[in-house]
Amino acid sequence: MRAREAMSSPVITVTPDTTVKHAAELLTRHGFTALPVVDDDERLVGVVTEADLVRDRVPRDPRFRGGADAAGTTEPPAPTVGAVMSSPAVSMSTGADVAEVVSALLDAGFRAMPIVQGSRVAGIVTRGDIVRALSRDDTEIARDVRHRLEIYGGAGRWRVDVRDGVASVVDERDDPADRHAATLLAESVPGVVRAETKSAAESGRPAD
């Protein structure tokens, strides 16, 4: 599965001049955890996350010891996204393998990955997007696998069964190259965690 098949698009973006308050409103309104930051040419220049927006923005309660400085020497929080965003932004291309996107999200502790076409933002992949793909109904996944295989090798050739995201494909013909291609096509379908393709003879099931 490629990033373009898992990403949310179109994606809401902000600019470095966007106020922190407005960025926070966008995150809250849409349930996001991060927003890509773009320049006037729509090129990705950074990412602003929930953590960026809340850092140093909640004043200490002066009623408690250790609260805000009574003399008022605490610097005011930065007003715009450009002052708090993470830059340069880590991003991946629309053709990136989603397995690589997931690894990057987990290894770096990110919750969202901007997806770019060239230098421009095409979408975003979040951990939630991956979970939604994995939660797809097996019947729906099987239908999509069957559709892709029919485009590749013709209708009536493939038997497809999906259980818990694992796709079992039976090819009525004995063509190892086509079976390999069928496995790759099946594993490109959102929600498939693994695929295996066999001939009718290998499966122990008689051909129709």
C-alpha atoms as a PDB file:
ATOM      1  CA  MET A   1       0.000   0.000   0.000  1.00  0.00           C
ATOM      2  CA  ARG A   2       1.325   3.415  -0.966  1.00  0.00           C
ATOM      3  CA  ALA A   3       1.026   6.606   1.041  1.00  0.00           C
ATOM      4  CA  ARG A   4      -1.355   8.068  -1.558  1.00  0.00           C
ATOM      5  CA  GLU A   5      -3.819   5.268  -0.760  1.00  0.00           C
ATOM      6  CA  ALA A   6      -3.763   5.822   3.000  1.00  0.00           C
ATOM      7  CA  MET A   7      -3.409   9.591   3.295  1.00  0.00           C
ATOM      8  CA  SER A   8      -6.141  12.069   4.131  1.00  0.00           C
ATOM      9  CA  SER A   9      -6.562  14.562   1.294  1.00  0.00           C
ATOM     10  CA  PRO A  10      -7.102  17.416   0.727  1.00  0.00           C
ATOM     11  CA  VAL A  11      -5.303  18.465   3.873  1.00  0.00           C
ATOM     12  CA  ILE A  12      -5.830  21.622   5.883  1.00  0.00           C
ATOM     13  CA  THR A  13      -2.645  23.677   6.076  1.00  0.00           C
ATOM     14  CA  VAL A  14      -1.509  26.824   7.824  1.00  0.00           C
ATOM     15  CA  THR A  15       1.211  29.378   7.092  1.00  0.00           C
ATOM     16  CA  PRO A  16       3.990  30.690   9.344  1.00  0.00           C
ATOM     17  CA  ASP A  17       1.893  33.858   9.824  1.00  0.00           C
ATOM     18  CA  THR A  18      -1.153  31.947  11.100  1.00  0.00           C
ATOM     19  CA  THR A  19      -1.796  32.744  14.745  1.00  0.00           C
ATOM     20  CA  VAL A  20      -1.211  30.018  17.288  1.00  0.00           C
ATOM     21  CA  LYS A  21      -4.773  30.486  18.509  1.00  0.00           C
ATOM     22  CA  HIS A  22      -6.250  29.907  15.049  1.00  0.00           C
ATOM     23  CA  ALA A  23      -4.067  26.814  14.541  1.00  0.00           C
ATOM     24  CA  ALA A  24      -5.329  25.475  17.870  1.00  0.00           C
ATOM     25  CA  GLU A  25      -8.906  26.122  16.746  1.00  0.00           C
ATOM     26  CA  LEU A  26      -8.304  24.143  13.544  1.00  0.00           C
ATOM     27  CA  LEU A  27      -6.843  21.191  15.441  1.00  0.00           C
ATOM     28  CA  THR A  28      -9.791  21.189  17.835  1.00  0.00           C
ATOM     29  CA  ARG A  29     -12.461  21.623  15.172  1.00  0.00           C
ATOM     30  CA  HIS A  30     -11.190  18.832  12.933  1.00  0.00           C
ATOM     31  CA  GLY A  31      -9.751  16.457  15.524  1.00  0.00           C
ATOM     32  CA  PHE A  32      -6.227  16.698  14.083  1.00  0.00           C
ATOM     33  CA  THR A  33      -2.972  16.302  15.980  1.00  0.00           C
ATOM     34  CA  ALA A  34      -0.766  18.238  13.541  1.00  0.00           C
ATOM     35  CA  LEU A  35      -0.964  20.686  10.648  1.00  0.00           C
ATOM     36  CA  PRO A  36       1.468  21.071   7.741  1.00  0.00           C
ATOM     37  CA  VAL A  37       2.867  24.592   7.431  1.00  0.00           C
ATOM     38  CA  VAL A  38       3.295  25.918   3.883  1.00  0.00           C
ATOM     39  CA  ASP A  39       4.729  29.060   2.321  1.00  0.00           C
ATOM     40  CA  ASP A  40       3.051  31.321  -0.234  1.00  0.00           C
ATOM     41  CA  ASP A  41       3.896  28.815  -2.998  1.00  0.00           C
ATOM     42  CA  GLU A  42       2.234  25.939  -1.093  1.00  0.00           C
ATOM     43  CA  ARG A  43       5.625  24.338  -0.373  1.00  0.00           C
ATOM     44  CA  LEU A  44       6.036  22.477   2.899  1.00  0.00           C
ATOM     45  CA  VAL A  45       8.180  24.456   5.335  1.00  0.00           C
ATOM     46  CA  GLY A  46       7.275  22.909   8.686  1.00  0.00           C
ATOM     47  CA  VAL A  47       4.772  21.089  10.866  1.00  0.00           C
ATOM     48  CA  VAL A  48       2.960  22.398  13.924  1.00  0.00           C
ATOM     49  CA  THR A  49       1.688  19.871  16.445  1.00  0.00           C
ATOM     50  CA  GLU A  50      -0.444  19.905  19.568  1.00  0.00           C
ATOM     51  CA  ALA A  51       2.747  19.828  21.619  1.00  0.00           C
ATOM     52  CA  ASP A  52       4.117  22.879  19.778  1.00  0.00           C
ATOM     53  CA  LEU A  53       0.932  24.826  20.460  1.00  0.00           C
ATOM     54  CA  VAL A  54       0.659  24.124  24.188  1.00  0.00           C
ATOM     55  CA  ARG A  55       4.341  24.487  25.072  1.00  0.00           C
ATOM     56  CA  ASP A  56       4.873  27.504  27.390  1.00  0.00           C
ATOM     57  CA  ARG A  57       1.354  28.788  26.774  1.00  0.00           C
ATOM     58  CA  VAL A  58      -0.334  27.841  30.054  1.00  0.00           C
ATOM     59  CA  PRO A  59       0.651  30.283  32.788  1.00  0.00           C
ATOM     60  CA  ARG A  60       1.297  29.078  36.286  1.00  0.00           C
ATOM     61  CA  ASP A  61      -1.417  29.892  38.784  1.00  0.00           C
ATOM     62  CA  PRO A  62       0.044  32.759  40.861  1.00  0.00           C
ATOM     63  CA  ARG A  63      -1.921  31.582  43.893  1.00  0.00           C
ATOM     64  CA  PHE A  64       0.494  28.694  44.289  1.00  0.00           C
ATOM     65  CA  ARG A  65       4.135  28.869  45.289  1.00  0.00           C
ATOM     66  CA  GLY A  66       6.339  28.701  42.217  1.00  0.00           C
ATOM     67  CA  GLY A  67       3.750  30.496  40.112  1.00  0.00           C
ATOM     68  CA  ALA A  68       4.323  33.188  37.497  1.00  0.00           C
ATOM     69  CA  ASP A  69       6.922  35.821  38.320  1.00  0.00           C
ATOM     70  CA  ALA A  70       5.196  38.573  40.284  1.00  0.00           C
ATOM     71  CA  ALA A  71       7.302  41.225  38.585  1.00  0.00           C
ATOM     72  CA  GLY A  72       5.910  40.184  35.223  1.00  0.00           C
ATOM     73  CA  THR A  73       9.296  39.327  33.695  1.00  0.00           C
ATOM     74  CA  THR A  74       8.020  36.159  32.011  1.00  0.00           C
ATOM     75  CA  GLU A  75       8.243  36.578  28.221  1.00  0.00           C
ATOM     76  CA  PRO A  76       4.923  36.539  26.380  1.00  0.00           C
ATOM     77  CA  PRO A  77       4.245  33.395  24.314  1.00  0.00           C
ATOM     78  CA  ALA A  78       4.978  33.472  20.586  1.00  0.00           C
ATOM     79  CA  PRO A  79       1.897  34.638  18.663  1.00  0.00           C
ATOM     80  CA  THR A  80       2.389  32.842  15.327  1.00  0.00           C
ATOM     81  CA  VAL A  81       2.888  29.339  14.040  1.00  0.00           C
ATOM     82  CA  GLY A  82       6.224  30.252  12.473  1.00  0.00           C
ATOM     83  CA  ALA A  83       7.736  30.783  15.914  1.00  0.00           C
ATOM     84  CA  VAL A  84       6.662  27.420  17.362  1.00  0.00           C
ATOM     85  CA  MET A  85       6.581  24.994  14.404  1.00  0.00           C
ATOM     86  CA  SER A  86       9.066  22.188  13.802  1.00  0.00           C
ATOM     87  CA  SER A  87      11.210  23.008  10.779  1.00  0.00           C
ATOM     88  CA  PRO A  88      12.437  21.664   8.452  1.00  0.00           C
ATOM     89  CA  ALA A  89       9.546  19.252   8.253  1.00  0.00           C
ATOM     90  CA  VAL A  90       9.978  15.506   7.916  1.00  0.00           C
ATOM     91  CA  SER A  91       7.844  14.293   5.015  1.00  0.00           C
ATOM     92  CA  MET A  92       7.447  11.360   2.656  1.00  0.00           C
ATOM     93  CA  SER A  93       6.344  11.097  -0.974  1.00  0.00           C
ATOM     94  CA  THR A  94       2.978   9.926  -2.263  1.00  0.00           C
ATOM     95  CA  GLY A  95       4.668   6.775  -3.598  1.00  0.00           C
ATOM     96  CA  ALA A  96       6.232   5.818  -0.273  1.00  0.00           C
ATOM     97  CA  ASP A  97       5.415   2.386   1.107  1.00  0.00           C
ATOM     98  CA  VAL A  98       2.993   2.781   4.010  1.00  0.00           C
ATOM     99  CA  ALA A  99       5.116   0.290   5.962  1.00  0.00           C
ATOM    100  CA  GLU A 100       7.939   2.831   5.795  1.00  0.00           C
ATOM    101  CA  VAL A 101       5.580   5.619   6.846  1.00  0.00           C
ATOM    102  CA  VAL A 102       4.471   3.575   9.866  1.00  0.00           C
ATOM    103  CA  SER A 103       8.094   2.852  10.813  1.00  0.00           C
ATOM    104  CA  ALA A 104       8.920   6.557  10.601  1.00  0.00           C
ATOM    105  CA  LEU A 105       5.898   7.492  12.721  1.00  0.00           C
ATOM    106  CA  LEU A 106       6.768   4.972  15.417  1.00  0.00           C
ATOM    107  CA  ASP A 107      10.551   5.414  15.415  1.00  0.00           C
ATOM    108  CA  ALA A 108      10.351   9.195  15.683  1.00  0.00           C
ATOM    109  CA  GLY A 109       7.304   9.283  17.924  1.00  0.00           C
ATOM    110  CA  PHE A 110       5.325  11.295  15.370  1.00  0.00           C
ATOM    111  CA  ARG A 111       1.541  11.089  15.189  1.00  0.00           C
ATOM    112  CA  ALA A 112       1.258  12.457  11.639  1.00  0.00           C
ATOM    113  CA  MET A 113       3.397  12.450   8.494  1.00  0.00           C
ATOM    114  CA  PRO A 114       2.953  15.047   5.723  1.00  0.00           C
ATOM    115  CA  ILE A 115       2.854  13.461   2.265  1.00  0.00           C
ATOM    116  CA  VAL A 116       4.280  15.499  -0.585  1.00  0.00           C
ATOM    117  CA  GLN A 117       4.190  15.490  -4.358  1.00  0.00           C
ATOM    118  CA  GLY A 118       7.444  17.189  -5.204  1.00  0.00           C
ATOM    119  CA  SER A 119       7.706  19.950  -2.618  1.00  0.00           C
ATOM    120  CA  ARG A 120       3.976  20.537  -2.251  1.00  0.00           C
ATOM    121  CA  VAL A 121       1.691  18.960   0.307  1.00  0.00           C
ATOM    122  CA  ALA A 122      -0.604  16.319  -1.169  1.00  0.00           C
ATOM    123  CA  GLY A 123      -2.013  14.899   2.052  1.00  0.00           C
ATOM    124  CA  ILE A 124      -1.166  13.632   5.499  1.00  0.00           C
ATOM    125  CA  VAL A 125      -1.008  10.158   7.060  1.00  0.00           C
ATOM    126  CA  THR A 126      -1.801   9.863  10.741  1.00  0.00           C
ATOM    127  CA  ARG A 127      -1.740   6.904  13.073  1.00  0.00           C
ATOM    128  CA  GLY A 128      -5.532   7.111  12.961  1.00  0.00           C
ATOM    129  CA  ASP A 129      -5.498   6.697   9.170  1.00  0.00           C
ATOM    130  CA  ILE A 130      -3.488   3.490   9.542  1.00  0.00           C
ATOM    131  CA  VAL A 131      -5.822   2.152  12.232  1.00  0.00           C
ATOM    132  CA  ARG A 132      -8.861   2.917  10.040  1.00  0.00           C
ATOM    133  CA  ALA A 133      -7.304   0.996   7.142  1.00  0.00           C
ATOM    134  CA  LEU A 134      -6.585  -1.987   9.381  1.00  0.00           C
ATOM    135  CA  SER A 135     -10.141  -1.942  10.732  1.00  0.00           C
ATOM    136  CA  ARG A 136     -11.810  -2.255   7.313  1.00  0.00           C
ATOM    137  CA  ASP A 137     -14.376  -5.019   6.963  1.00  0.00           C
ATOM    138  CA  ASP A 138     -12.944  -8.231   5.480  1.00  0.00           C
ATOM    139  CA  THR A 139     -15.762  -8.428   2.930  1.00  0.00           C
ATOM    140  CA  GLU A 140     -14.984  -4.922   1.712  1.00  0.00           C
ATOM    141  CA  ILE A 141     -11.270  -5.715   1.529  1.00  0.00           C
ATOM    142  CA  ALA A 142     -11.937  -8.916  -0.442  1.00  0.00           C
ATOM    143  CA  ARG A 143     -14.068  -6.994  -2.926  1.00  0.00           C
ATOM    144  CA  ASP A 144     -11.257  -4.490  -3.520  1.00  0.00           C
ATOM    145  CA  VAL A 145      -8.646  -7.256  -3.876  1.00  0.00           C
ATOM    146  CA  ARG A 146     -10.840  -9.094  -6.374  1.00  0.00           C
ATOM    147  CA  HIS A 147     -11.393  -5.889  -8.360  1.00  0.00           C
ATOM    148  CA  ARG A 148      -7.668  -5.214  -8.689  1.00  0.00           C
ATOM    149  CA  LEU A 149      -6.948  -8.785  -9.698  1.00  0.00           C
ATOM    150  CA  GLU A 150      -9.689  -8.755 -12.317  1.00  0.00           C
ATOM    151  CA  ILE A 151      -8.182  -5.627 -13.846  1.00  0.00           C
ATOM    152  CA  TYR A 152      -4.814  -7.393 -13.951  1.00  0.00           C
ATOM    153  CA  GLY A 153      -5.742 -10.903 -15.043  1.00  0.00           C
ATOM    154  CA  GLY A 154      -9.370 -10.975 -16.051  1.00  0.00           C
ATOM    155  CA  ALA A 155     -12.665 -11.798 -14.373  1.00  0.00           C
ATOM    156  CA  GLY A 156     -13.485 -15.279 -13.081  1.00  0.00           C
ATOM    157  CA  ARG A 157      -9.851 -16.259 -12.641  1.00  0.00           C
ATOM    158  CA  TRP A 158      -9.366 -15.467  -8.952  1.00  0.00           C
ATOM    159  CA  ARG A 159     -10.923 -16.747  -5.740  1.00  0.00           C
ATOM    160  CA  VAL A 160     -10.370 -14.364  -2.864  1.00  0.00           C
ATOM    161  CA  ASP A 161     -10.976 -14.908   0.823  1.00  0.00           C
ATOM    162  CA  VAL A 162      -9.987 -12.435   3.531  1.00  0.00           C
ATOM    163  CA  ARG A 163      -9.971 -13.202   7.239  1.00  0.00           C
ATOM    164  CA  ASP A 164      -8.679 -10.746   9.823  1.00  0.00           C
ATOM    165  CA  GLY A 165      -6.957  -8.829   7.044  1.00  0.00           C
ATOM    166  CA  VAL A 166      -5.098 -11.871   5.684  1.00  0.00           C
ATOM    167  CA  ALA A 167      -5.905 -12.388   1.989  1.00  0.00           C
ATOM    168  CA  SER A 168      -5.878 -15.873   0.487  1.00  0.00           C
ATOM    169  CA  VAL A 169      -5.979 -15.830  -3.303  1.00  0.00           C
ATOM    170  CA  VAL A 170      -6.425 -18.858  -5.544  1.00  0.00           C
ATOM    171  CA  ASP A 171      -5.431 -18.529  -9.213  1.00  0.00           C
ATOM    172  CA  GLU A 172      -7.161 -20.897 -11.594  1.00  0.00           C
ATOM    173  CA  ARG A 173      -4.065 -20.875 -13.818  1.00  0.00           C
ATOM    174  CA  ASP A 174      -0.586 -22.197 -13.101  1.00  0.00           C
ATOM    175  CA  ASP A 175       1.500 -19.089 -13.702  1.00  0.00           C
ATOM    176  CA  PRO A 176       4.087 -18.314 -10.959  1.00  0.00           C
ATOM    177  CA  ALA A 177       4.794 -14.835 -12.337  1.00  0.00           C
ATOM    178  CA  ASP A 178       1.112 -13.916 -12.240  1.00  0.00           C
ATOM    179  CA  ARG A 179       0.761 -15.343  -8.737  1.00  0.00           C
ATOM    180  CA  HIS A 180       3.638 -13.185  -7.546  1.00  0.00           C
ATOM    181  CA  ALA A 181       2.038 -10.124  -9.140  1.00  0.00           C
ATOM    182  CA  ALA A 182      -1.317 -11.046  -7.588  1.00  0.00           C
ATOM    183  CA  THR A 183       0.252 -11.203  -4.129  1.00  0.00           C
ATOM    184  CA  LEU A 184       1.788  -7.758  -4.576  1.00  0.00           C
ATOM    185  CA  LEU A 185      -1.506  -6.343  -5.842  1.00  0.00           C
ATOM    186  CA  ALA A 186      -3.446  -7.849  -2.941  1.00  0.00           C
ATOM    187  CA  GLU A 187      -0.992  -6.437  -0.401  1.00  0.00           C
ATOM    188  CA  SER A 188      -1.434  -2.974  -1.921  1.00  0.00           C
ATOM    189  CA  VAL A 189      -5.095  -2.924  -0.866  1.00  0.00           C
ATOM    190  CA  PRO A 190      -5.739  -0.896   2.312  1.00  0.00           C
ATOM    191  CA  GLY A 191      -6.505  -3.260   5.183  1.00  0.00           C
ATOM    192  CA  VAL A 192      -4.550  -6.265   3.884  1.00  0.00           C
ATOM    193  CA  VAL A 193      -1.879  -7.236   6.407  1.00  0.00           C
ATOM    194  CA  ARG A 194      -0.573 -10.195   4.413  1.00  0.00           C
ATOM    195  CA  ALA A 195      -1.441 -12.001   1.177  1.00  0.00           C
ATOM    196  CA  GLU A 196      -0.675 -15.413  -0.277  1.00  0.00           C
ATOM    197  CA  THR A 197      -1.538 -16.610  -3.780  1.00  0.00           C
ATOM    198  CA  LYS A 198      -1.678 -20.259  -4.814  1.00  0.00           C
ATOM    199  CA  SER A 199      -2.753 -22.179  -7.885  1.00  0.00           C
ATOM    200  CA  ALA A 200      -5.917 -24.238  -7.694  1.00  0.00           C
ATOM    201  CA  ALA A 201      -3.785 -27.403  -7.481  1.00  0.00           C
ATOM    202  CA  GLU A 202      -1.669 -26.023  -4.622  1.00  0.00           C
ATOM    203  CA  SER A 203      -4.746 -24.973  -2.701  1.00  0.00           C
ATOM    204  CA  GLY A 204      -6.188 -28.480  -2.854  1.00  0.00           C
ATOM    205  CA  ARG A 205      -9.373 -27.100  -4.357  1.00  0.00           C
ATOM    206  CA  PRO A 206     -10.541 -28.231  -7.789  1.00  0.00           C
ATOM    207  CA  ALA A 207     -10.729 -25.582 -10.485  1.00  0.00           C
ATOM    208  CA  ASP A 208     -14.214 -24.353 -11.376  1.00  0.00           C
END
